[in-house]
């Protein structure tokens, strides 16, 4: 199944990074827009609301990434990285 194979901690990490970058660029555009200005047709208020939404989605993806990473380390999920020894504490991981 495609989702089970590709929805792993690496995918969630990169998605969280993408949404974090979108949120920070939206925040910078809101700061550039000023009180009554617009950037690319978006008002400052809309850009601030977009920033909040992007960062909340990024937070959820990062939490999901942590959960998936721990499940991969415990052997509940398949390990997408291919290592058999945990790089942090040198413990042997279960084989897939």
PDB file of N, CA and C in Angstrom:
ATOM      1  N   UNK A   1       0.845  -1.180   0.000  1.00  0.00           N
ATOM      2  CA  UNK A   1       0.000   0.000   0.000  1.00  0.00           C
ATOM      3  C   UNK A   1       0.891   1.244   0.000  1.00  0.00           C
ATOM      4  N   UNK A   2       0.562   2.198  -0.849  1.00  0.00           N
ATOM      5  CA  UNK A   2       1.397   3.377  -1.053  1.00  0.00           C
ATOM      6  C   UNK A   2       1.556   4.204   0.214  1.00  0.00           C
ATOM      7  N   UNK A   3       0.468   4.435   0.948  1.00  0.00           N
ATOM      8  CA  UNK A   3       0.542   5.285   2.133  1.00  0.00           C
ATOM      9  C   UNK A   3       1.406   4.647   3.207  1.00  0.00           C
ATOM     10  N   UNK A   4       1.253   3.387   3.445  1.00  0.00           N
ATOM     11  CA  UNK A   4       2.039   2.714   4.479  1.00  0.00           C
ATOM     12  C   UNK A   4       3.529   2.723   4.124  1.00  0.00           C
ATOM     13  N   UNK A   5       3.821   2.638   2.838  1.00  0.00           N
ATOM     14  CA  UNK A   5       5.207   2.599   2.407  1.00  0.00           C
ATOM     15  C   UNK A   5       5.855   3.986   2.452  1.00  0.00           C
ATOM     16  N   UNK A   6       5.135   5.020   2.089  1.00  0.00           N
ATOM     17  CA  UNK A   6       5.721   6.354   1.950  1.00  0.00           C
ATOM     18  C   UNK A   6       5.440   7.298   3.109  1.00  0.00           C
ATOM     19  N   UNK A   7       4.468   6.986   3.939  1.00  0.00           N
ATOM     20  CA  UNK A   7       4.160   7.866   5.068  1.00  0.00           C
ATOM     21  C   UNK A   7       5.020   7.432   6.251  1.00  0.00           C
ATOM     22  N   UNK A   8       6.244   7.938   6.269  1.00  0.00           N
ATOM     23  CA  UNK A   8       7.177   7.596   7.330  1.00  0.00           C
ATOM     24  C   UNK A   8       7.733   8.880   7.931  1.00  0.00           C
ATOM     25  N   UNK A   9       8.665   8.737   8.847  1.00  0.00           N
ATOM     26  CA  UNK A   9       9.169   9.920   9.544  1.00  0.00           C
ATOM     27  C   UNK A   9       9.919  10.851   8.608  1.00  0.00           C
ATOM     28  N   UNK A  10      10.565  10.340   7.592  1.00  0.00           N
ATOM     29  CA  UNK A  10      11.279  11.198   6.644  1.00  0.00           C
ATOM     30  C   UNK A  10      10.302  12.078   5.879  1.00  0.00           C
ATOM     31  N   UNK A  11       9.204  11.491   5.380  1.00  0.00           N
ATOM     32  CA  UNK A  11       8.190  12.263   4.660  1.00  0.00           C
ATOM     33  C   UNK A  11       7.578  13.330   5.566  1.00  0.00           C
ATOM     34  N   UNK A  12       7.256  12.958   6.801  1.00  0.00           N
ATOM     35  CA  UNK A  12       6.669  13.921   7.724  1.00  0.00           C
ATOM     36  C   UNK A  12       7.659  15.025   8.088  1.00  0.00           C
ATOM     37  N   UNK A  13       8.936  14.686   8.186  1.00  0.00           N
ATOM     38  CA  UNK A  13       9.956  15.688   8.494  1.00  0.00           C
ATOM     39  C   UNK A  13      10.050  16.716   7.368  1.00  0.00           C
ATOM     40  N   UNK A  14      10.120  16.249   6.120  1.00  0.00           N
ATOM     41  CA  UNK A  14      10.218  17.174   4.997  1.00  0.00           C
ATOM     42  C   UNK A  14       8.937  17.981   4.816  1.00  0.00           C
ATOM     43  N   UNK A  15       7.785  17.375   5.057  1.00  0.00           N
ATOM     44  CA  UNK A  15       6.528  18.118   4.970  1.00  0.00           C
ATOM     45  C   UNK A  15       6.453  19.187   6.055  1.00  0.00           C
ATOM     46  N   UNK A  16       6.877  18.843   7.275  1.00  0.00           N
ATOM     47  CA  UNK A  16       6.922  19.830   8.352  1.00  0.00           C
ATOM     48  C   UNK A  16       7.861  20.967   8.039  1.00  0.00           C
ATOM     49  N   UNK A  17       8.996  20.650   7.420  1.00  0.00           N
ATOM     50  CA  UNK A  17       9.941  21.693   7.021  1.00  0.00           C
ATOM     51  C   UNK A  17       9.327  22.603   5.966  1.00  0.00           C
ATOM     52  N   UNK A  18       8.619  22.023   4.992  1.00  0.00           N
ATOM     53  CA  UNK A  18       7.967  22.818   3.953  1.00  0.00           C
ATOM     54  C   UNK A  18       6.940  23.773   4.550  1.00  0.00           C
ATOM     55  N   UNK A  19       6.094  23.276   5.450  1.00  0.00           N
ATOM     56  CA  UNK A  19       5.080  24.131   6.051  1.00  0.00           C
ATOM     57  C   UNK A  19       5.694  25.176   6.980  1.00  0.00           C
ATOM     58  N   UNK A  20       6.822  24.855   7.625  1.00  0.00           N
ATOM     59  CA  UNK A  20       7.512  25.845   8.437  1.00  0.00           C
ATOM     60  C   UNK A  20       8.054  26.967   7.558  1.00  0.00           C
ATOM     61  N   UNK A  21       8.626  26.609   6.409  1.00  0.00           N
ATOM     62  CA  UNK A  21       9.125  27.622   5.483  1.00  0.00           C
ATOM     63  C   UNK A  21       7.989  28.470   4.904  1.00  0.00           C
ATOM     64  N   UNK A  22       6.863  27.832   4.598  1.00  0.00           N
ATOM     65  CA  UNK A  22       5.706  28.593   4.123  1.00  0.00           C
ATOM     66  C   UNK A  22       5.200  29.560   5.193  1.00  0.00           C
ATOM     67  N   UNK A  23       5.152  29.105   6.432  1.00  0.00           N
ATOM     68  CA  UNK A  23       4.702  29.964   7.525  1.00  0.00           C
ATOM     69  C   UNK A  23       5.637  31.124   7.765  1.00  0.00           C
ATOM     70  N   UNK A  24       6.938  30.864   7.722  1.00  0.00           N
ATOM     71  CA  UNK A  24       7.882  31.957   7.965  1.00  0.00           C
ATOM     72  C   UNK A  24       7.883  32.943   6.805  1.00  0.00           C
ATOM     73  N   UNK A  25       7.748  32.474   5.573  1.00  0.00           N
ATOM     74  CA  UNK A  25       7.677  33.414   4.449  1.00  0.00           C
ATOM     75  C   UNK A  25       6.372  34.203   4.488  1.00  0.00           C
ATOM     76  N   UNK A  26       5.289  33.580   4.908  1.00  0.00           N
ATOM     77  CA  UNK A  26       4.024  34.300   5.057  1.00  0.00           C
ATOM     78  C   UNK A  26       4.129  35.359   6.142  1.00  0.00           C
ATOM     79  N   UNK A  27       4.827  35.044   7.223  1.00  0.00           N
ATOM     80  CA  UNK A  27       5.012  36.010   8.304  1.00  0.00           C
ATOM     81  C   UNK A  27       5.857  37.196   7.838  1.00  0.00           C
ATOM     82  N   UNK A  28       6.905  36.919   7.053  1.00  0.00           N
ATOM     83  CA  UNK A  28       7.742  38.000   6.523  1.00  0.00           C
ATOM     84  C   UNK A  28       6.944  38.860   5.549  1.00  0.00           C
ATOM     85  N   UNK A  29       6.106  38.252   4.722  1.00  0.00           N
ATOM     86  CA  UNK A  29       5.281  39.027   3.796  1.00  0.00           C
ATOM     87  C   UNK A  29       4.268  39.871   4.555  1.00  0.00           C
ATOM     88  N   UNK A  30       3.724  39.356   5.660  1.00  0.00           N
ATOM     89  CA  UNK A  30       2.792  40.156   6.470  1.00  0.00           C
ATOM     90  C   UNK A  30       3.515  41.339   7.095  1.00  0.00           C
ATOM     91  N   UNK A  31       4.746  41.138   7.501  1.00  0.00           N
ATOM     92  CA  UNK A  31       5.530  42.230   8.080  1.00  0.00           C
ATOM     93  C   UNK A  31       5.839  43.278   7.024  1.00  0.00           C
ATOM     94  N   UNK A  32       6.132  42.841   5.785  1.00  0.00           N
ATOM     95  CA  UNK A  32       6.406  43.770   4.685  1.00  0.00           C
ATOM     96  C   UNK A  32       5.149  44.535   4.295  1.00  0.00           C
ATOM     97  N   UNK A  33       3.990  43.891   4.349  1.00  0.00           N
ATOM     98  CA  UNK A  33       2.735  44.525   3.929  1.00  0.00           C
ATOM     99  C   UNK A  33       2.400  45.738   4.784  1.00  0.00           C
ATOM    100  N   UNK A  34       2.766  45.717   6.039  1.00  0.00           N
ATOM    101  CA  UNK A  34       2.454  46.852   6.904  1.00  0.00           C
ATOM    102  C   UNK A  34       0.995  46.856   7.327  1.00  0.00           C
ATOM    103  N   UNK A  35       0.610  47.930   7.976  1.00  0.00           N
ATOM    104  CA  UNK A  35      -0.737  48.020   8.564  1.00  0.00           C
ATOM    105  C   UNK A  35      -1.837  48.057   7.507  1.00  0.00           C
ATOM    106  N   UNK A  36      -1.664  48.834   6.465  1.00  0.00           N
ATOM    107  CA  UNK A  36      -2.751  48.971   5.481  1.00  0.00           C
ATOM    108  C   UNK A  36      -2.328  48.527   4.093  1.00  0.00           C
ATOM    109  N   UNK A  37      -1.149  47.952   3.959  1.00  0.00           N
ATOM    110  CA  UNK A  37      -0.655  47.549   2.650  1.00  0.00           C
ATOM    111  C   UNK A  37      -1.047  46.135   2.283  1.00  0.00           C
ATOM    112  N   UNK A  38      -0.621  45.758   1.094  1.00  0.00           N
ATOM    113  CA  UNK A  38      -0.886  44.408   0.599  1.00  0.00           C
ATOM    114  C   UNK A  38       0.369  43.881  -0.080  1.00  0.00           C
ATOM    115  N   UNK A  39       0.522  42.578  -0.052  1.00  0.00           N
ATOM    116  CA  UNK A  39       1.593  41.906  -0.778  1.00  0.00           C
ATOM    117  C   UNK A  39       0.943  40.852  -1.646  1.00  0.00           C
ATOM    118  N   UNK A  40       1.160  40.940  -2.953  1.00  0.00           N
ATOM    119  CA  UNK A  40       0.561  40.041  -3.948  1.00  0.00           C
ATOM    120  C   UNK A  40      -0.951  39.950  -3.793  1.00  0.00           C
ATOM    121  N   UNK A  41      -1.578  41.045  -3.381  1.00  0.00           N
ATOM    122  CA  UNK A  41      -3.025  41.096  -3.240  1.00  0.00           C
ATOM    123  C   UNK A  41      -3.567  40.592  -1.918  1.00  0.00           C
ATOM    124  N   UNK A  42      -2.701  40.164  -1.014  1.00  0.00           N
ATOM    125  CA  UNK A  42      -3.128  39.657   0.289  1.00  0.00           C
ATOM    126  C   UNK A  42      -2.899  40.727   1.351  1.00  0.00           C
ATOM    127  N   UNK A  43      -3.893  40.924   2.208  1.00  0.00           N
ATOM    128  CA  UNK A  43      -3.760  41.907   3.281  1.00  0.00           C
ATOM    129  C   UNK A  43      -2.909  41.350   4.409  1.00  0.00           C
ATOM    130  N   UNK A  44      -2.487  42.249   5.296  1.00  0.00           N
ATOM    131  CA  UNK A  44      -1.665  41.831   6.416  1.00  0.00           C
ATOM    132  C   UNK A  44      -2.420  40.851   7.318  1.00  0.00           C
ATOM    133  N   UNK A  45      -3.697  41.092   7.554  1.00  0.00           N
ATOM    134  CA  UNK A  45      -4.488  40.217   8.417  1.00  0.00           C
ATOM    135  C   UNK A  45      -4.566  38.800   7.837  1.00  0.00           C
ATOM    136  N   UNK A  46      -4.835  38.689   6.529  1.00  0.00           N
ATOM    137  CA  UNK A  46      -4.915  37.366   5.899  1.00  0.00           C
ATOM    138  C   UNK A  46      -3.570  36.651   5.977  1.00  0.00           C
ATOM    139  N   UNK A  47      -2.482  37.388   5.771  1.00  0.00           N
ATOM    140  CA  UNK A  47      -1.167  36.759   5.839  1.00  0.00           C
ATOM    141  C   UNK A  47      -0.848  36.277   7.250  1.00  0.00           C
ATOM    142  N   UNK A  48      -1.266  37.041   8.265  1.00  0.00           N
ATOM    143  CA  UNK A  48      -1.058  36.576   9.636  1.00  0.00           C
ATOM    144  C   UNK A  48      -1.885  35.326   9.929  1.00  0.00           C
ATOM    145  N   UNK A  49      -3.114  35.284   9.438  1.00  0.00           N
ATOM    146  CA  UNK A  49      -3.937  34.089   9.636  1.00  0.00           C
ATOM    147  C   UNK A  49      -3.349  32.887   8.899  1.00  0.00           C
ATOM    148  N   UNK A  50      -2.811  33.114   7.696  1.00  0.00           N
ATOM    149  CA  UNK A  50      -2.146  32.030   6.966  1.00  0.00           C
ATOM    150  C   UNK A  50      -0.917  31.541   7.716  1.00  0.00           C
ATOM    151  N   UNK A  51      -0.186  32.477   8.319  1.00  0.00           N
ATOM    152  CA  UNK A  51       0.999  32.102   9.095  1.00  0.00           C
ATOM    153  C   UNK A  51       0.617  31.189  10.242  1.00  0.00           C
ATOM    154  N   UNK A  52      -0.440  31.542  10.949  1.00  0.00           N
ATOM    155  CA  UNK A  52      -0.894  30.711  12.066  1.00  0.00           C
ATOM    156  C   UNK A  52      -1.278  29.316  11.583  1.00  0.00           C
ATOM    157  N   UNK A  53      -2.009  29.242  10.480  1.00  0.00           N
ATOM    158  CA  UNK A  53      -2.433  27.938   9.954  1.00  0.00           C
ATOM    159  C   UNK A  53      -1.238  27.103   9.499  1.00  0.00           C
ATOM    160  N   UNK A  54      -0.307  27.710   8.759  1.00  0.00           N
ATOM    161  CA  UNK A  54       0.874  26.975   8.296  1.00  0.00           C
ATOM    162  C   UNK A  54       1.684  26.441   9.471  1.00  0.00           C
ATOM    163  N   UNK A  55       1.864  27.268  10.498  1.00  0.00           N
ATOM    164  CA  UNK A  55       2.687  26.837  11.621  1.00  0.00           C
ATOM    165  C   UNK A  55       1.983  25.774  12.469  1.00  0.00           C
ATOM    166  N   UNK A  56       0.659  25.825  12.564  1.00  0.00           N
ATOM    167  CA  UNK A  56      -0.054  24.766  13.277  1.00  0.00           C
ATOM    168  C   UNK A  56       0.021  23.440  12.532  1.00  0.00           C
ATOM    169  N   UNK A  57      -0.090  23.484  11.204  1.00  0.00           N
ATOM    170  CA  UNK A  57       0.056  22.258  10.413  1.00  0.00           C
ATOM    171  C   UNK A  57       1.479  21.724  10.548  1.00  0.00           C
ATOM    172  N   UNK A  58       2.474  22.631  10.514  1.00  0.00           N
ATOM    173  CA  UNK A  58       3.868  22.212  10.671  1.00  0.00           C
ATOM    174  C   UNK A  58       4.098  21.574  12.036  1.00  0.00           C
ATOM    175  N   UNK A  59       3.488  22.121  13.070  1.00  0.00           N
ATOM    176  CA  UNK A  59       3.619  21.549  14.408  1.00  0.00           C
ATOM    177  C   UNK A  59       3.033  20.137  14.454  1.00  0.00           C
ATOM    178  N   UNK A  60       1.868  19.954  13.865  1.00  0.00           N
ATOM    179  CA  UNK A  60       1.257  18.628  13.815  1.00  0.00           C
ATOM    180  C   UNK A  60       2.107  17.632  13.043  1.00  0.00           C
ATOM    181  N   UNK A  61       2.694  18.077  11.926  1.00  0.00           N
ATOM    182  CA  UNK A  61       3.557  17.188  11.152  1.00  0.00           C
ATOM    183  C   UNK A  61       4.819  16.831  11.919  1.00  0.00           C
ATOM    184  N   UNK A  62       5.371  17.794  12.649  1.00  0.00           N
ATOM    185  CA  UNK A  62       6.575  17.512  13.427  1.00  0.00           C
ATOM    186  C   UNK A  62       6.278  16.530  14.568  1.00  0.00           C
ATOM    187  N   UNK A  63       5.123  16.672  15.216  1.00  0.00           N
ATOM    188  CA  UNK A  63       4.747  15.712  16.255  1.00  0.00           C
ATOM    189  C   UNK A  63       4.532  14.320  15.667  1.00  0.00           C
ATOM    190  N   UNK A  64       3.897  14.273  14.504  1.00  0.00           N
ATOM    191  CA  UNK A  64       3.724  12.990  13.820  1.00  0.00           C
ATOM    192  C   UNK A  64       5.056  12.380  13.429  1.00  0.00           C
ATOM    193  N   UNK A  65       6.000  13.230  13.039  1.00  0.00           N
ATOM    194  CA  UNK A  65       7.338  12.756  12.701  1.00  0.00           C
ATOM    195  C   UNK A  65       8.008  12.123  13.910  1.00  0.00           C
ATOM    196  N   UNK A  66       7.892  12.770  15.074  1.00  0.00           N
ATOM    197  CA  UNK A  66       8.473  12.194  16.285  1.00  0.00           C
ATOM    198  C   UNK A  66       7.834  10.860  16.637  1.00  0.00           C
ATOM    199  N   UNK A  67       6.509  10.788  16.519  1.00  0.00           N
ATOM    200  CA  UNK A  67       5.818   9.536  16.830  1.00  0.00           C
ATOM    201  C   UNK A  67       6.247   8.414  15.886  1.00  0.00           C
ATOM    202  N   UNK A  68       6.310   8.720  14.585  1.00  0.00           N
ATOM    203  CA  UNK A  68       6.716   7.711  13.616  1.00  0.00           C
ATOM    204  C   UNK A  68       8.168   7.292  13.837  1.00  0.00           C
ATOM    205  N   UNK A  69       9.021   8.261  14.182  1.00  0.00           N
ATOM    206  CA  UNK A  69      10.432   7.927  14.409  1.00  0.00           C
ATOM    207  C   UNK A  69      10.578   6.967  15.590  1.00  0.00           C
ATOM    208  N   UNK A  70       9.854   7.219  16.670  1.00  0.00           N
ATOM    209  CA  UNK A  70       9.933   6.310  17.819  1.00  0.00           C
ATOM    210  C   UNK A  70       9.357   4.943  17.483  1.00  0.00           C
ATOM    211  N   UNK A  71       8.281   4.905  16.684  1.00  0.00           N
ATOM    212  CA  UNK A  71       7.724   3.615  16.286  1.00  0.00           C
ATOM    213  C   UNK A  71       8.695   2.858  15.386  1.00  0.00           C
ATOM    214  N   UNK A  72       9.426   3.585  14.542  1.00  0.00           N
ATOM    215  CA  UNK A  72      10.423   2.929  13.700  1.00  0.00           C
ATOM    216  C   UNK A  72      11.578   2.396  14.540  1.00  0.00           C
ATOM    217  N   UNK A  73      11.953   3.129  15.574  1.00  0.00           N
ATOM    218  CA  UNK A  73      13.039   2.669  16.442  1.00  0.00           C
ATOM    219  C   UNK A  73      12.624   1.454  17.263  1.00  0.00           C
ATOM    220  N   UNK A  74      11.342   1.395  17.649  1.00  0.00           N
ATOM    221  CA  UNK A  74      10.863   0.253  18.427  1.00  0.00           C
ATOM    222  C   UNK A  74      10.551  -0.962  17.560  1.00  0.00           C
ATOM    223  N   UNK A  75      10.483  -0.779  16.258  1.00  0.00           N
ATOM    224  CA  UNK A  75      10.191  -1.880  15.356  1.00  0.00           C
ATOM    225  C   UNK A  75       8.725  -2.040  15.027  1.00  0.00           C
ATOM    226  N   UNK A  76       7.878  -1.107  15.444  1.00  0.00           N
ATOM    227  CA  UNK A  76       6.458  -1.184  15.128  1.00  0.00           C
ATOM    228  C   UNK A  76       6.216  -0.865  13.661  1.00  0.00           C
ATOM    229  N   UNK A  77       6.961   0.113  13.131  1.00  0.00           N
ATOM    230  CA  UNK A  77       6.859   0.495  11.727  1.00  0.00           C
ATOM    231  C   UNK A  77       8.137   0.083  11.000  1.00  0.00           C
ATOM    232  N   UNK A  78       8.045  -0.111   9.669  1.00  0.00           N
ATOM    233  CA  UNK A  78       9.261  -0.430   8.923  1.00  0.00           C
ATOM    234  C   UNK A  78      10.233   0.749   8.951  1.00  0.00           C
ATOM    235  N   UNK A  79      11.504   0.449   8.987  1.00  0.00           N
ATOM    236  CA  UNK A  79      12.550   1.460   9.063  1.00  0.00           C
ATOM    237  C   UNK A  79      12.897   1.946   7.657  1.00  0.00           C
ATOM    238  N   UNK A  80      12.591   3.202   7.297  1.00  0.00           N
ATOM    239  CA  UNK A  80      12.859   3.674   5.934  1.00  0.00           C
ATOM    240  C   UNK A  80      14.319   4.014   5.696  1.00  0.00           C
ATOM    241  N   UNK A  81      15.112   4.122   6.743  1.00  0.00           N
ATOM    242  CA  UNK A  81      16.494   4.557   6.589  1.00  0.00           C
ATOM    243  C   UNK A  81      17.441   3.411   6.315  1.00  0.00           C
ATOM    244  N   UNK A  82      17.052   2.197   6.638  1.00  0.00           N
ATOM    245  CA  UNK A  82      17.848   1.034   6.324  1.00  0.00           C
ATOM    246  C   UNK A  82      18.945   0.704   7.324  1.00  0.00           C
ATOM    247  N   UNK A  83      19.036   1.412   8.442  1.00  0.00           N
ATOM    248  CA  UNK A  83      20.074   1.069   9.398  1.00  0.00           C
ATOM    249  C   UNK A  83      19.570   0.027  10.389  1.00  0.00           C
ATOM    250  N   UNK A  84      20.484  -0.790  10.871  1.00  0.00           N
ATOM    251  CA  UNK A  84      20.127  -1.836  11.818  1.00  0.00           C
ATOM    252  C   UNK A  84      20.621  -1.534  13.221  1.00  0.00           C
ATOM    253  N   UNK A  85      21.479  -0.531  13.372  1.00  0.00           N
ATOM    254  CA  UNK A  85      21.962  -0.111  14.674  1.00  0.00           C
ATOM    255  C   UNK A  85      21.505   1.321  14.898  1.00  0.00           C
ATOM    256  N   UNK A  86      20.899   1.575  16.040  1.00  0.00           N
ATOM    257  CA  UNK A  86      20.419   2.907  16.366  1.00  0.00           C
ATOM    258  C   UNK A  86      21.610   3.863  16.458  1.00  0.00           C
ATOM    259  N   UNK A  87      21.603   4.960  15.677  1.00  0.00           N
ATOM    260  CA  UNK A  87      22.756   5.854  15.701  1.00  0.00           C
ATOM    261  C   UNK A  87      22.900   6.639  17.005  1.00  0.00           C
ATOM    262  N   UNK A  88      21.860   6.708  17.823  1.00  0.00           N
ATOM    263  CA  UNK A  88      21.943   7.506  19.047  1.00  0.00           C
ATOM    264  C   UNK A  88      22.565   6.704  20.189  1.00  0.00           C
ATOM    265  N   UNK A  89      21.991   5.550  20.492  1.00  0.00           N
ATOM    266  CA  UNK A  89      22.519   4.788  21.641  1.00  0.00           C
ATOM    267  C   UNK A  89      23.128   3.445  21.238  1.00  0.00           C
ATOM    268  N   UNK A  90      23.385   3.239  19.951  1.00  0.00           N
ATOM    269  CA  UNK A  90      24.077   2.057  19.429  1.00  0.00           C
ATOM    270  C   UNK A  90      23.385   0.743  19.730  1.00  0.00           C
ATOM    271  N   UNK A  91      22.081   0.783  19.996  1.00  0.00           N
ATOM    272  CA  UNK A  91      21.315  -0.443  20.231  1.00  0.00           C
ATOM    273  C   UNK A  91      20.940  -1.063  18.884  1.00  0.00           C
ATOM    274  N   UNK A  92      20.862  -2.382  18.839  1.00  0.00           N
ATOM    275  CA  UNK A  92      20.475  -3.074  17.606  1.00  0.00           C
ATOM    276  C   UNK A  92      18.967  -2.992  17.446  1.00  0.00           C
ATOM    277  N   UNK A  93      18.541  -2.566  16.266  1.00  0.00           N
ATOM    278  CA  UNK A  93      17.123  -2.459  15.962  1.00  0.00           C
ATOM    279  C   UNK A  93      16.616  -3.797  15.421  1.00  0.00           C
ATOM    280  N   UNK A  94      15.326  -4.085  15.611  1.00  0.00           N
ATOM    281  CA  UNK A  94      14.785  -5.333  15.066  1.00  0.00           C
ATOM    282  C   UNK A  94      14.785  -5.292  13.538  1.00  0.00           C
ATOM    283  N   UNK A  95      15.049  -6.416  12.930  1.00  0.00           N
ATOM    284  CA  UNK A  95      15.061  -6.493  11.465  1.00  0.00           C
ATOM    285  C   UNK A  95      13.630  -6.457  10.954  1.00  0.00           C
ATOM    286  N   UNK A  96      13.433  -5.837   9.770  1.00  0.00           N
ATOM    287  CA  UNK A  96      12.067  -5.759   9.221  1.00  0.00           C
ATOM    288  C   UNK A  96      11.556  -7.085   8.755  1.00  0.00           C
TER     289      UNK A  96
END
